[in-house]
Amino acid sequence: MATTNQCIASLARLNLSSMIRPTATTIPRLLASPTPSQLRWKSIGTRAMQARERQKEKLKKKRKQQRFKEYKYAVPSKEEQFSLCDAMRYLRAAEVGRPPSAATYELALKIRTIKNGPVLRDRIRLPYPVKNDTRVAVICKEGSGAMHEARSAGAVAFGEDSLFEMIRANSNKLPFNRLICHVDSEPALKKANLGRILGPKGLMPSLKTNTITKSVVSMMHDMVGAENYREKIGAIRMPIGNIQFTPKMLSENIKTMVNSVRGNIQVLEDRVKKELIEVVLTSTQGPGFSLNGAFASTDEKVTAAHLSTAM
């Protein structure tokens, strides 16, 4: 009869022989399926937690959109800022030797805005106009009341077919620099196909530019001494005064321009976020000076009266 130790040893040999040893797989490691990972489920949380998560996602999406679609001009410059009299002093020095009629002050307004948003555009009448050589032509029916109004208001050209023929014949040397159209002549303007001639010059009348009107006299009054401005690549640039303007005259023009742009920004506040971040004054041949909003010069010896004399 077998002993207890012999029985245990025989049972151990049977268990070892019956075990299936793993064999080396012949499948390449790159083709082998990955080991299943443990799935973790995120808890839903309370309603307050869900609301906070949604708010975070909205804020993250909004920041990402504004960060990647802004123009590079949306960052204010780190250069030193100057008062109006100091900037005028340096710019007048840069224009020495040039005819006063050929040198002008120019204003650049930097705007923080997204690229795919609406642009700012408007017509503004400055307290002290920069240019007084506005020559207006009016498209109106021959012999109509609008034609008599245009003639009495001082239009340099008026009519329909006669005006269209003059534009085609003198496309490179037009006698006017502003063109408006009466509402009754809008179909005739479309049939004339003058877009290729007037479009590149910025003279094509349209409802978008507010140059198609019912009242010719009021439109001509608004145009004489008025300037159009439009936002381009996150900035608005426009002549703001002649080099012979006094600091008071230039200050009034700058305030009018800035207030007009801020008003247009408020109108578009519900559609897009825009912000005026910097005002830069420059001249025809001079550099740009960022304005800090002050008027008087930092040098006590230089007053506004010194900058009001002829160059």
C-alpha atoms as a PDB file:
ATOM      1  CA  MET A   1       0.000   0.000   0.000  1.00  0.00           C
ATOM      2  CA  ALA A   2       1.366   3.437  -1.023  1.00  0.00           C
ATOM      3  CA  THR A   3       2.212   5.901   1.623  1.00  0.00           C
ATOM      4  CA  THR A   4       0.720   9.355   1.913  1.00  0.00           C
ATOM      5  CA  ASN A   5       3.844  11.084   0.559  1.00  0.00           C
ATOM      6  CA  GLN A   6       3.846   8.874  -2.518  1.00  0.00           C
ATOM      7  CA  CYS A   7       0.207   9.745  -3.265  1.00  0.00           C
ATOM      8  CA  ILE A   8       0.870  13.461  -2.963  1.00  0.00           C
ATOM      9  CA  ALA A   9       3.901  13.227  -5.259  1.00  0.00           C
ATOM     10  CA  SER A  10       1.942  11.338  -7.915  1.00  0.00           C
ATOM     11  CA  LEU A  11      -0.850  13.902  -7.798  1.00  0.00           C
ATOM     12  CA  ALA A  12       1.675  16.714  -8.193  1.00  0.00           C
ATOM     13  CA  ARG A  13       3.186  15.028 -11.276  1.00  0.00           C
ATOM     14  CA  LEU A  14      -0.264  14.664 -12.831  1.00  0.00           C
ATOM     15  CA  ASN A  15      -1.084  18.386 -12.269  1.00  0.00           C
ATOM     16  CA  LEU A  16       2.213  19.545 -13.776  1.00  0.00           C
ATOM     17  CA  SER A  17       1.830  17.372 -16.847  1.00  0.00           C
ATOM     18  CA  SER A  18      -1.766  18.459 -17.459  1.00  0.00           C
ATOM     19  CA  MET A  19      -0.960  22.252 -17.364  1.00  0.00           C
ATOM     20  CA  ILE A  20      -0.917  23.958 -20.808  1.00  0.00           C
ATOM     21  CA  ARG A  21       2.141  26.082 -21.113  1.00  0.00           C
ATOM     22  CA  PRO A  22       1.744  29.308 -23.200  1.00  0.00           C
ATOM     23  CA  THR A  23       3.444  29.151 -26.551  1.00  0.00           C
ATOM     24  CA  ALA A  24       5.161  32.019 -28.191  1.00  0.00           C
ATOM     25  CA  THR A  25       2.821  33.900 -30.531  1.00  0.00           C
ATOM     26  CA  THR A  26       3.689  34.070 -34.175  1.00  0.00           C
ATOM     27  CA  ILE A  27       1.718  37.329 -34.763  1.00  0.00           C
ATOM     28  CA  PRO A  28       3.958  40.430 -35.154  1.00  0.00           C
ATOM     29  CA  ARG A  29       3.759  42.908 -32.345  1.00  0.00           C
ATOM     30  CA  LEU A  30       2.584  45.698 -34.656  1.00  0.00           C
ATOM     31  CA  LEU A  31      -0.421  43.608 -35.764  1.00  0.00           C
ATOM     32  CA  ALA A  32      -1.343  42.354 -32.346  1.00  0.00           C
ATOM     33  CA  SER A  33      -4.451  43.927 -30.804  1.00  0.00           C
ATOM     34  CA  PRO A  34      -3.753  46.197 -27.841  1.00  0.00           C
ATOM     35  CA  THR A  35      -4.588  45.047 -24.375  1.00  0.00           C
ATOM     36  CA  PRO A  36      -8.013  46.206 -23.275  1.00  0.00           C
ATOM     37  CA  SER A  37      -7.762  49.228 -20.980  1.00  0.00           C
ATOM     38  CA  GLN A  38      -9.985  49.910 -18.083  1.00  0.00           C
ATOM     39  CA  LEU A  39     -12.939  52.191 -18.915  1.00  0.00           C
ATOM     40  CA  ARG A  40     -13.576  55.080 -16.586  1.00  0.00           C
ATOM     41  CA  TRP A  41     -16.880  56.907 -16.563  1.00  0.00           C
ATOM     42  CA  LYS A  42     -17.139  60.554 -15.613  1.00  0.00           C
ATOM     43  CA  SER A  43     -19.743  61.322 -13.010  1.00  0.00           C
ATOM     44  CA  ILE A  44     -22.566  63.567 -14.191  1.00  0.00           C
ATOM     45  CA  GLY A  45     -22.552  65.688 -11.058  1.00  0.00           C
ATOM     46  CA  THR A  46     -25.183  68.138  -9.907  1.00  0.00           C
ATOM     47  CA  ARG A  47     -26.959  70.704 -12.072  1.00  0.00           C
ATOM     48  CA  ALA A  48     -24.770  73.475 -10.712  1.00  0.00           C
ATOM     49  CA  MET A  49     -21.647  71.550 -11.715  1.00  0.00           C
ATOM     50  CA  GLN A  50     -23.050  70.944 -15.204  1.00  0.00           C
ATOM     51  CA  ALA A  51     -23.844  74.642 -15.590  1.00  0.00           C
ATOM     52  CA  ARG A  52     -20.301  75.581 -14.552  1.00  0.00           C
ATOM     53  CA  GLU A  53     -18.855  73.137 -17.062  1.00  0.00           C
ATOM     54  CA  ARG A  54     -20.967  74.564 -19.876  1.00  0.00           C
ATOM     55  CA  GLN A  55     -19.936  78.094 -18.907  1.00  0.00           C
ATOM     56  CA  LYS A  56     -16.273  77.085 -18.948  1.00  0.00           C
ATOM     57  CA  GLU A  57     -16.624  75.535 -22.410  1.00  0.00           C
ATOM     58  CA  LYS A  58     -18.319  78.666 -23.779  1.00  0.00           C
ATOM     59  CA  LEU A  59     -15.632  80.916 -22.304  1.00  0.00           C
ATOM     60  CA  LYS A  60     -12.845  78.709 -23.661  1.00  0.00           C
ATOM     61  CA  LYS A  61     -14.394  78.694 -27.138  1.00  0.00           C
ATOM     62  CA  LYS A  62     -14.878  82.463 -27.093  1.00  0.00           C
ATOM     63  CA  ARG A  63     -11.278  83.119 -26.014  1.00  0.00           C
ATOM     64  CA  LYS A  64      -9.950  80.746 -28.666  1.00  0.00           C
ATOM     65  CA  GLN A  65     -11.967  82.441 -31.416  1.00  0.00           C
ATOM     66  CA  GLN A  66     -10.870  85.943 -30.422  1.00  0.00           C
ATOM     67  CA  ARG A  67      -7.254  84.944 -29.938  1.00  0.00           C
ATOM     68  CA  PHE A  68      -6.691  83.263 -33.281  1.00  0.00           C
ATOM     69  CA  LYS A  69      -8.742  85.593 -35.507  1.00  0.00           C
ATOM     70  CA  GLU A  70      -7.584  89.026 -34.375  1.00  0.00           C
ATOM     71  CA  TYR A  71      -5.394  91.238 -36.518  1.00  0.00           C
ATOM     72  CA  LYS A  72      -1.812  91.820 -35.485  1.00  0.00           C
ATOM     73  CA  TYR A  73      -2.623  95.522 -35.006  1.00  0.00           C
ATOM     74  CA  ALA A  74      -4.886  94.590 -32.090  1.00  0.00           C
ATOM     75  CA  VAL A  75      -1.983  95.035 -29.660  1.00  0.00           C
ATOM     76  CA  PRO A  76      -1.094  98.615 -28.628  1.00  0.00           C
ATOM     77  CA  SER A  77       2.479  99.656 -29.258  1.00  0.00           C
ATOM     78  CA  LYS A  78       4.919  99.819 -26.379  1.00  0.00           C
ATOM     79  CA  GLU A  79       6.494 103.055 -27.568  1.00  0.00           C
ATOM     80  CA  GLU A  80       6.380 106.292 -25.587  1.00  0.00           C
ATOM     81  CA  GLN A  81       3.150 108.285 -25.796  1.00  0.00           C
ATOM     82  CA  PHE A  82       3.032 112.028 -26.440  1.00  0.00           C
ATOM     83  CA  SER A  83       0.684 114.939 -25.923  1.00  0.00           C
ATOM     84  CA  LEU A  84      -0.881 116.628 -28.936  1.00  0.00           C
ATOM     85  CA  CYS A  85       1.393 119.698 -28.841  1.00  0.00           C
ATOM     86  CA  ASP A  86       4.528 117.564 -28.514  1.00  0.00           C
ATOM     87  CA  ALA A  87       3.508 115.390 -31.476  1.00  0.00           C
ATOM     88  CA  MET A  88       2.718 118.486 -33.576  1.00  0.00           C
ATOM     89  CA  ARG A  89       6.075 120.017 -32.651  1.00  0.00           C
ATOM     90  CA  TYR A  90       8.049 117.017 -33.926  1.00  0.00           C
ATOM     91  CA  LEU A  91       5.899 116.538 -37.028  1.00  0.00           C
ATOM     92  CA  ARG A  92       6.204 120.180 -38.041  1.00  0.00           C
ATOM     93  CA  ALA A  93       9.978 119.815 -37.757  1.00  0.00           C
ATOM     94  CA  ALA A  94       9.846 116.752 -40.023  1.00  0.00           C
ATOM     95  CA  GLU A  95       7.934 118.705 -42.714  1.00  0.00           C
ATOM     96  CA  VAL A  96      10.340 121.668 -42.893  1.00  0.00           C
ATOM     97  CA  GLY A  97      11.226 122.463 -46.504  1.00  0.00           C
ATOM     98  CA  ARG A  98       7.988 121.135 -48.009  1.00  0.00           C
ATOM     99  CA  PRO A  99       5.187 123.359 -49.346  1.00  0.00           C
ATOM    100  CA  PRO A 100       2.505 123.763 -46.644  1.00  0.00           C
ATOM    101  CA  SER A 101      -0.207 122.742 -49.103  1.00  0.00           C
ATOM    102  CA  ALA A 102       1.528 119.390 -49.719  1.00  0.00           C
ATOM    103  CA  ALA A 103       1.849 118.317 -46.070  1.00  0.00           C
ATOM    104  CA  THR A 104      -1.054 117.062 -43.962  1.00  0.00           C
ATOM    105  CA  TYR A 105      -1.612 115.464 -40.588  1.00  0.00           C
ATOM    106  CA  GLU A 106      -2.991 111.934 -40.699  1.00  0.00           C
ATOM    107  CA  LEU A 107      -4.746 109.978 -37.960  1.00  0.00           C
ATOM    108  CA  ALA A 108      -4.585 106.205 -37.483  1.00  0.00           C
ATOM    109  CA  LEU A 109      -7.012 104.515 -35.096  1.00  0.00           C
ATOM    110  CA  LYS A 110      -6.079 100.970 -34.062  1.00  0.00           C
ATOM    111  CA  ILE A 111      -9.084  98.757 -33.354  1.00  0.00           C
ATOM    112  CA  ARG A 112      -9.156  95.357 -31.660  1.00  0.00           C
ATOM    113  CA  THR A 113     -11.530  93.256 -33.753  1.00  0.00           C
ATOM    114  CA  ILE A 114     -11.894  89.799 -35.263  1.00  0.00           C
ATOM    115  CA  LYS A 115     -11.122  89.212 -38.925  1.00  0.00           C
ATOM    116  CA  ASN A 116     -14.473  87.799 -40.017  1.00  0.00           C
ATOM    117  CA  GLY A 117     -16.569  90.521 -38.368  1.00  0.00           C
ATOM    118  CA  PRO A 118     -18.279  93.593 -39.872  1.00  0.00           C
ATOM    119  CA  VAL A 119     -16.115  96.640 -40.612  1.00  0.00           C
ATOM    120  CA  LEU A 120     -16.650 100.253 -39.594  1.00  0.00           C
ATOM    121  CA  ARG A 121     -17.485 102.748 -42.338  1.00  0.00           C
ATOM    122  CA  ASP A 122     -19.131 106.145 -42.273  1.00  0.00           C
ATOM    123  CA  ARG A 123     -19.048 109.698 -43.625  1.00  0.00           C
ATOM    124  CA  ILE A 124     -17.921 112.450 -41.264  1.00  0.00           C
ATOM    125  CA  ARG A 125     -17.932 116.237 -41.481  1.00  0.00           C
ATOM    126  CA  LEU A 126     -14.957 117.654 -39.609  1.00  0.00           C
ATOM    127  CA  PRO A 127     -15.211 121.053 -37.882  1.00  0.00           C
ATOM    128  CA  TYR A 128     -12.238 122.204 -39.969  1.00  0.00           C
ATOM    129  CA  PRO A 129     -12.261 120.400 -43.353  1.00  0.00           C
ATOM    130  CA  VAL A 130      -8.957 119.218 -44.747  1.00  0.00           C
ATOM    131  CA  LYS A 131      -9.943 119.421 -48.422  1.00  0.00           C
ATOM    132  CA  ASN A 132     -12.226 121.988 -50.045  1.00  0.00           C
ATOM    133  CA  ASP A 133     -11.900 120.804 -53.649  1.00  0.00           C
ATOM    134  CA  THR A 134     -15.008 118.590 -53.674  1.00  0.00           C
ATOM    135  CA  ARG A 135     -16.532 118.413 -57.158  1.00  0.00           C
ATOM    136  CA  VAL A 136     -19.901 116.622 -57.276  1.00  0.00           C
ATOM    137  CA  ALA A 137     -21.673 115.098 -60.272  1.00  0.00           C
ATOM    138  CA  VAL A 138     -25.310 114.006 -60.135  1.00  0.00           C
ATOM    139  CA  ILE A 139     -26.993 111.231 -62.137  1.00  0.00           C
ATOM    140  CA  CYS A 140     -30.592 112.350 -62.677  1.00  0.00           C
ATOM    141  CA  LYS A 141     -33.199 112.387 -65.411  1.00  0.00           C
ATOM    142  CA  GLU A 142     -32.850 114.997 -68.115  1.00  0.00           C
ATOM    143  CA  GLY A 143     -35.054 118.044 -67.459  1.00  0.00           C
ATOM    144  CA  SER A 144     -36.313 116.795 -64.084  1.00  0.00           C
ATOM    145  CA  GLY A 145     -36.593 118.762 -60.848  1.00  0.00           C
ATOM    146  CA  ALA A 146     -33.542 116.919 -59.482  1.00  0.00           C
ATOM    147  CA  MET A 147     -31.521 118.205 -62.429  1.00  0.00           C
ATOM    148  CA  HIS A 148     -32.488 121.825 -61.703  1.00  0.00           C
ATOM    149  CA  GLU A 149     -31.634 121.303 -58.011  1.00  0.00           C
ATOM    150  CA  ALA A 150     -28.220 119.894 -58.926  1.00  0.00           C
ATOM    151  CA  ARG A 151     -27.508 122.831 -61.243  1.00  0.00           C
ATOM    152  CA  SER A 152     -28.481 125.398 -58.582  1.00  0.00           C
ATOM    153  CA  ALA A 153     -26.477 123.564 -55.884  1.00  0.00           C
ATOM    154  CA  GLY A 154     -23.275 123.808 -57.931  1.00  0.00           C
ATOM    155  CA  ALA A 155     -22.845 120.337 -59.453  1.00  0.00           C
ATOM    156  CA  VAL A 156     -20.112 120.201 -62.083  1.00  0.00           C
ATOM    157  CA  ALA A 157     -22.009 117.624 -64.195  1.00  0.00           C
ATOM    158  CA  PHE A 158     -25.554 116.240 -64.242  1.00  0.00           C
ATOM    159  CA  GLY A 159     -27.845 114.172 -66.436  1.00  0.00           C
ATOM    160  CA  GLU A 160     -28.191 110.526 -67.470  1.00  0.00           C
ATOM    161  CA  ASP A 161     -27.144 109.536 -70.993  1.00  0.00           C
ATOM    162  CA  SER A 162     -24.993 112.621 -71.490  1.00  0.00           C
ATOM    163  CA  LEU A 163     -23.196 111.994 -68.194  1.00  0.00           C
ATOM    164  CA  PHE A 164     -22.697 108.299 -69.020  1.00  0.00           C
ATOM    165  CA  GLU A 165     -21.133 109.180 -72.383  1.00  0.00           C
ATOM    166  CA  MET A 166     -18.820 111.712 -70.734  1.00  0.00           C
ATOM    167  CA  ILE A 167     -17.671 109.075 -68.190  1.00  0.00           C
ATOM    168  CA  ARG A 168     -16.923 106.561 -70.964  1.00  0.00           C
ATOM    169  CA  ALA A 169     -15.079 109.144 -73.084  1.00  0.00           C
ATOM    170  CA  ASN A 170     -12.999 110.613 -70.204  1.00  0.00           C
ATOM    171  CA  SER A 171     -12.593 107.613 -67.918  1.00  0.00           C
ATOM    172  CA  ASN A 172      -9.013 108.551 -66.996  1.00  0.00           C
ATOM    173  CA  LYS A 173      -9.680 112.250 -66.445  1.00  0.00           C
ATOM    174  CA  LEU A 174     -13.061 112.778 -64.824  1.00  0.00           C
ATOM    175  CA  PRO A 175     -14.031 116.361 -63.911  1.00  0.00           C
ATOM    176  CA  PHE A 176     -15.542 115.277 -60.567  1.00  0.00           C
ATOM    177  CA  ASN A 177     -14.380 113.398 -57.478  1.00  0.00           C
ATOM    178  CA  ARG A 178     -17.832 112.642 -55.986  1.00  0.00           C
ATOM    179  CA  LEU A 179     -20.783 111.017 -57.740  1.00  0.00           C
ATOM    180  CA  ILE A 180     -24.329 110.638 -56.450  1.00  0.00           C
ATOM    181  CA  CYS A 181     -27.428 109.198 -58.078  1.00  0.00           C
ATOM    182  CA  HIS A 182     -31.115 110.042 -57.752  1.00  0.00           C
ATOM    183  CA  VAL A 183     -33.375 107.101 -56.924  1.00  0.00           C
ATOM    184  CA  ASP A 184     -35.311 107.520 -60.185  1.00  0.00           C
ATOM    185  CA  SER A 185     -32.087 107.063 -62.195  1.00  0.00           C
ATOM    186  CA  GLU A 186     -30.910 103.906 -60.400  1.00  0.00           C
ATOM    187  CA  PRO A 187     -32.251 101.506 -63.110  1.00  0.00           C
ATOM    188  CA  ALA A 188     -30.493 103.540 -65.802  1.00  0.00           C
ATOM    189  CA  LEU A 189     -27.235 103.416 -63.830  1.00  0.00           C
ATOM    190  CA  LYS A 190     -27.427  99.624 -63.635  1.00  0.00           C
ATOM    191  CA  LYS A 191     -28.057  99.311 -67.379  1.00  0.00           C
ATOM    192  CA  ALA A 192     -25.107 101.584 -68.194  1.00  0.00           C
ATOM    193  CA  ASN A 193     -22.589  99.027 -66.820  1.00  0.00           C
ATOM    194  CA  LEU A 194     -20.132 101.606 -65.495  1.00  0.00           C
ATOM    195  CA  GLY A 195     -18.936  99.503 -62.573  1.00  0.00           C
ATOM    196  CA  ARG A 196     -15.598  98.674 -64.206  1.00  0.00           C
ATOM    197  CA  ILE A 197     -14.847 102.372 -64.659  1.00  0.00           C
ATOM    198  CA  LEU A 198     -16.264 103.868 -61.451  1.00  0.00           C
ATOM    199  CA  GLY A 199     -15.672 100.929 -59.092  1.00  0.00           C
ATOM    200  CA  PRO A 200     -11.844 101.065 -58.895  1.00  0.00           C
ATOM    201  CA  LYS A 201     -12.056 104.845 -58.380  1.00  0.00           C
ATOM    202  CA  GLY A 202     -14.511 104.487 -55.488  1.00  0.00           C
ATOM    203  CA  LEU A 203     -17.147 106.537 -57.309  1.00  0.00           C
ATOM    204  CA  MET A 204     -19.830 103.917 -58.020  1.00  0.00           C
ATOM    205  CA  PRO A 205     -23.090 105.037 -56.330  1.00  0.00           C
ATOM    206  CA  SER A 206     -24.800 102.422 -54.155  1.00  0.00           C
ATOM    207  CA  LEU A 207     -27.125 102.129 -51.191  1.00  0.00           C
ATOM    208  CA  LYS A 208     -24.309 100.646 -49.147  1.00  0.00           C
ATOM    209  CA  THR A 209     -22.232 103.826 -49.441  1.00  0.00           C
ATOM    210  CA  ASN A 210     -25.311 106.038 -49.035  1.00  0.00           C
ATOM    211  CA  THR A 211     -24.803 107.749 -52.404  1.00  0.00           C
ATOM    212  CA  ILE A 212     -28.267 107.005 -53.836  1.00  0.00           C
ATOM    213  CA  THR A 213     -30.713 109.558 -52.487  1.00  0.00           C
ATOM    214  CA  LYS A 214     -34.091 111.218 -52.980  1.00  0.00           C
ATOM    215  CA  SER A 215     -32.836 114.682 -51.994  1.00  0.00           C
ATOM    216  CA  VAL A 216     -29.956 115.837 -54.180  1.00  0.00           C
ATOM    217  CA  VAL A 217     -29.457 119.140 -52.352  1.00  0.00           C
ATOM    218  CA  SER A 218     -29.096 117.611 -48.881  1.00  0.00           C
ATOM    219  CA  MET A 219     -26.729 114.919 -50.162  1.00  0.00           C
ATOM    220  CA  MET A 220     -24.521 117.504 -51.876  1.00  0.00           C
ATOM    221  CA  HIS A 221     -24.493 119.599 -48.697  1.00  0.00           C
ATOM    222  CA  ASP A 222     -23.359 116.576 -46.693  1.00  0.00           C
ATOM    223  CA  MET A 223     -20.647 115.713 -49.198  1.00  0.00           C
ATOM    224  CA  VAL A 224     -19.027 119.139 -49.449  1.00  0.00           C
ATOM    225  CA  GLY A 225     -16.451 119.226 -46.672  1.00  0.00           C
ATOM    226  CA  ALA A 226     -17.181 115.629 -45.590  1.00  0.00           C
ATOM    227  CA  GLU A 227     -14.793 112.676 -45.686  1.00  0.00           C
ATOM    228  CA  ASN A 228     -15.433 108.931 -45.909  1.00  0.00           C
ATOM    229  CA  TYR A 229     -13.533 106.506 -43.714  1.00  0.00           C
ATOM    230  CA  ARG A 230     -13.458 102.730 -43.636  1.00  0.00           C
ATOM    231  CA  GLU A 231     -11.820 100.140 -41.403  1.00  0.00           C
ATOM    232  CA  LYS A 232      -9.106  98.127 -43.124  1.00  0.00           C
ATOM    233  CA  ILE A 233      -7.050  95.367 -41.474  1.00  0.00           C
ATOM    234  CA  GLY A 234      -7.999  96.495 -37.973  1.00  0.00           C
ATOM    235  CA  ALA A 235      -7.226 100.206 -38.443  1.00  0.00           C
ATOM    236  CA  ILE A 236      -8.832 103.414 -39.737  1.00  0.00           C
ATOM    237  CA  ARG A 237      -6.583 105.960 -41.471  1.00  0.00           C
ATOM    238  CA  MET A 238      -7.712 109.386 -42.629  1.00  0.00           C
ATOM    239  CA  PRO A 239      -6.244 112.880 -43.181  1.00  0.00           C
ATOM    240  CA  ILE A 240      -7.169 114.960 -40.144  1.00  0.00           C
ATOM    241  CA  GLY A 241      -5.741 118.407 -40.873  1.00  0.00           C
ATOM    242  CA  ASN A 242      -3.357 120.596 -42.817  1.00  0.00           C
ATOM    243  CA  ILE A 243       0.153 121.201 -41.496  1.00  0.00           C
ATOM    244  CA  GLN A 244      -0.823 124.870 -40.943  1.00  0.00           C
ATOM    245  CA  PHE A 245      -3.673 123.955 -38.551  1.00  0.00           C
ATOM    246  CA  THR A 246      -3.404 125.267 -34.996  1.00  0.00           C
ATOM    247  CA  PRO A 247      -3.411 122.824 -32.061  1.00  0.00           C
ATOM    248  CA  LYS A 248      -6.990 123.839 -31.238  1.00  0.00           C
ATOM    249  CA  MET A 249      -8.203 123.157 -34.781  1.00  0.00           C
ATOM    250  CA  LEU A 250      -6.443 119.796 -34.907  1.00  0.00           C
ATOM    251  CA  SER A 251      -7.755 118.857 -31.452  1.00  0.00           C
ATOM    252  CA  GLU A 252     -11.358 119.537 -32.499  1.00  0.00           C
ATOM    253  CA  ASN A 253     -10.969 117.371 -35.601  1.00  0.00           C
ATOM    254  CA  ILE A 254      -9.419 114.503 -33.631  1.00  0.00           C
ATOM    255  CA  LYS A 255     -12.175 114.594 -30.992  1.00  0.00           C
ATOM    256  CA  THR A 256     -14.872 114.557 -33.676  1.00  0.00           C
ATOM    257  CA  MET A 257     -13.230 111.618 -35.444  1.00  0.00           C
ATOM    258  CA  VAL A 258     -12.729 109.562 -32.264  1.00  0.00           C
ATOM    259  CA  ASN A 259     -16.297 110.200 -31.061  1.00  0.00           C
ATOM    260  CA  SER A 260     -17.680 109.128 -34.438  1.00  0.00           C
ATOM    261  CA  VAL A 261     -15.723 105.862 -34.405  1.00  0.00           C
ATOM    262  CA  ARG A 262     -16.742 105.100 -30.827  1.00  0.00           C
ATOM    263  CA  GLY A 263     -20.379 105.705 -31.738  1.00  0.00           C
ATOM    264  CA  ASN A 264     -20.112 103.240 -34.623  1.00  0.00           C
ATOM    265  CA  ILE A 265     -18.515 100.682 -32.299  1.00  0.00           C
ATOM    266  CA  GLN A 266     -21.457 100.970 -29.910  1.00  0.00           C
ATOM    267  CA  VAL A 267     -23.902 100.388 -32.766  1.00  0.00           C
ATOM    268  CA  LEU A 268     -22.166  97.074 -33.593  1.00  0.00           C
ATOM    269  CA  GLU A 269     -21.774  96.061 -29.954  1.00  0.00           C
ATOM    270  CA  ASP A 270     -24.523  93.413 -30.153  1.00  0.00           C
ATOM    271  CA  ARG A 271     -23.033  91.792 -33.282  1.00  0.00           C
ATOM    272  CA  VAL A 272     -19.290  91.881 -32.652  1.00  0.00           C
ATOM    273  CA  LYS A 273     -16.874  93.053 -29.977  1.00  0.00           C
ATOM    274  CA  LYS A 274     -14.682  95.968 -31.064  1.00  0.00           C
ATOM    275  CA  GLU A 275     -12.418  98.204 -29.024  1.00  0.00           C
ATOM    276  CA  LEU A 276     -10.452 101.364 -29.818  1.00  0.00           C
ATOM    277  CA  ILE A 277      -7.028 100.758 -28.301  1.00  0.00           C
ATOM    278  CA  GLU A 278      -4.699 103.434 -29.708  1.00  0.00           C
ATOM    279  CA  VAL A 279      -4.691 106.781 -31.531  1.00  0.00           C
ATOM    280  CA  VAL A 280      -1.607 107.580 -33.627  1.00  0.00           C
ATOM    281  CA  LEU A 281      -0.843 110.956 -35.244  1.00  0.00           C
ATOM    282  CA  THR A 282       1.517 111.186 -38.202  1.00  0.00           C
ATOM    283  CA  SER A 283       2.183 113.414 -41.211  1.00  0.00           C
ATOM    284  CA  THR A 284       3.078 113.083 -44.890  1.00  0.00           C
ATOM    285  CA  GLN A 285       6.817 112.580 -44.289  1.00  0.00           C
ATOM    286  CA  GLY A 286       6.920 112.254 -40.494  1.00  0.00           C
ATOM    287  CA  PRO A 287       6.870 109.245 -38.137  1.00  0.00           C
ATOM    288  CA  GLY A 288       3.898 108.155 -36.057  1.00  0.00           C
ATOM    289  CA  PHE A 289       3.355 109.385 -32.481  1.00  0.00           C
ATOM    290  CA  SER A 290       0.967 107.607 -30.138  1.00  0.00           C
ATOM    291  CA  LEU A 291      -1.239 110.147 -28.333  1.00  0.00           C
ATOM    292  CA  ASN A 292      -1.918 109.926 -24.607  1.00  0.00           C
ATOM    293  CA  GLY A 293      -4.938 112.255 -24.582  1.00  0.00           C
ATOM    294  CA  ALA A 294      -3.125 115.303 -23.157  1.00  0.00           C
ATOM    295  CA  PHE A 295      -3.090 118.648 -24.969  1.00  0.00           C
ATOM    296  CA  ALA A 296      -0.307 120.835 -23.539  1.00  0.00           C
ATOM    297  CA  SER A 297       3.353 120.267 -24.222  1.00  0.00           C
ATOM    298  CA  THR A 298       5.641 118.788 -21.580  1.00  0.00           C
ATOM    299  CA  ASP A 299       8.096 121.595 -22.290  1.00  0.00           C
ATOM    300  CA  GLU A 300       6.914 124.718 -20.476  1.00  0.00           C
ATOM    301  CA  LYS A 301       8.692 126.941 -23.020  1.00  0.00           C
ATOM    302  CA  VAL A 302       6.553 125.578 -25.879  1.00  0.00           C
ATOM    303  CA  THR A 303       2.931 126.743 -25.938  1.00  0.00           C
ATOM    304  CA  ALA A 304       0.073 126.337 -28.369  1.00  0.00           C
ATOM    305  CA  ALA A 305       0.750 129.826 -29.710  1.00  0.00           C
ATOM    306  CA  HIS A 306       4.210 128.740 -30.911  1.00  0.00           C
ATOM    307  CA  LEU A 307       2.591 125.982 -33.002  1.00  0.00           C
ATOM    308  CA  SER A 308      -0.014 128.336 -34.501  1.00  0.00           C
ATOM    309  CA  THR A 309       2.402 130.351 -36.612  1.00  0.00           C
ATOM    310  CA  ALA A 310       3.122 129.714 -40.288  1.00  0.00           C
ATOM    311  CA  MET A 311       6.030 127.417 -41.110  1.00  0.00           C
END
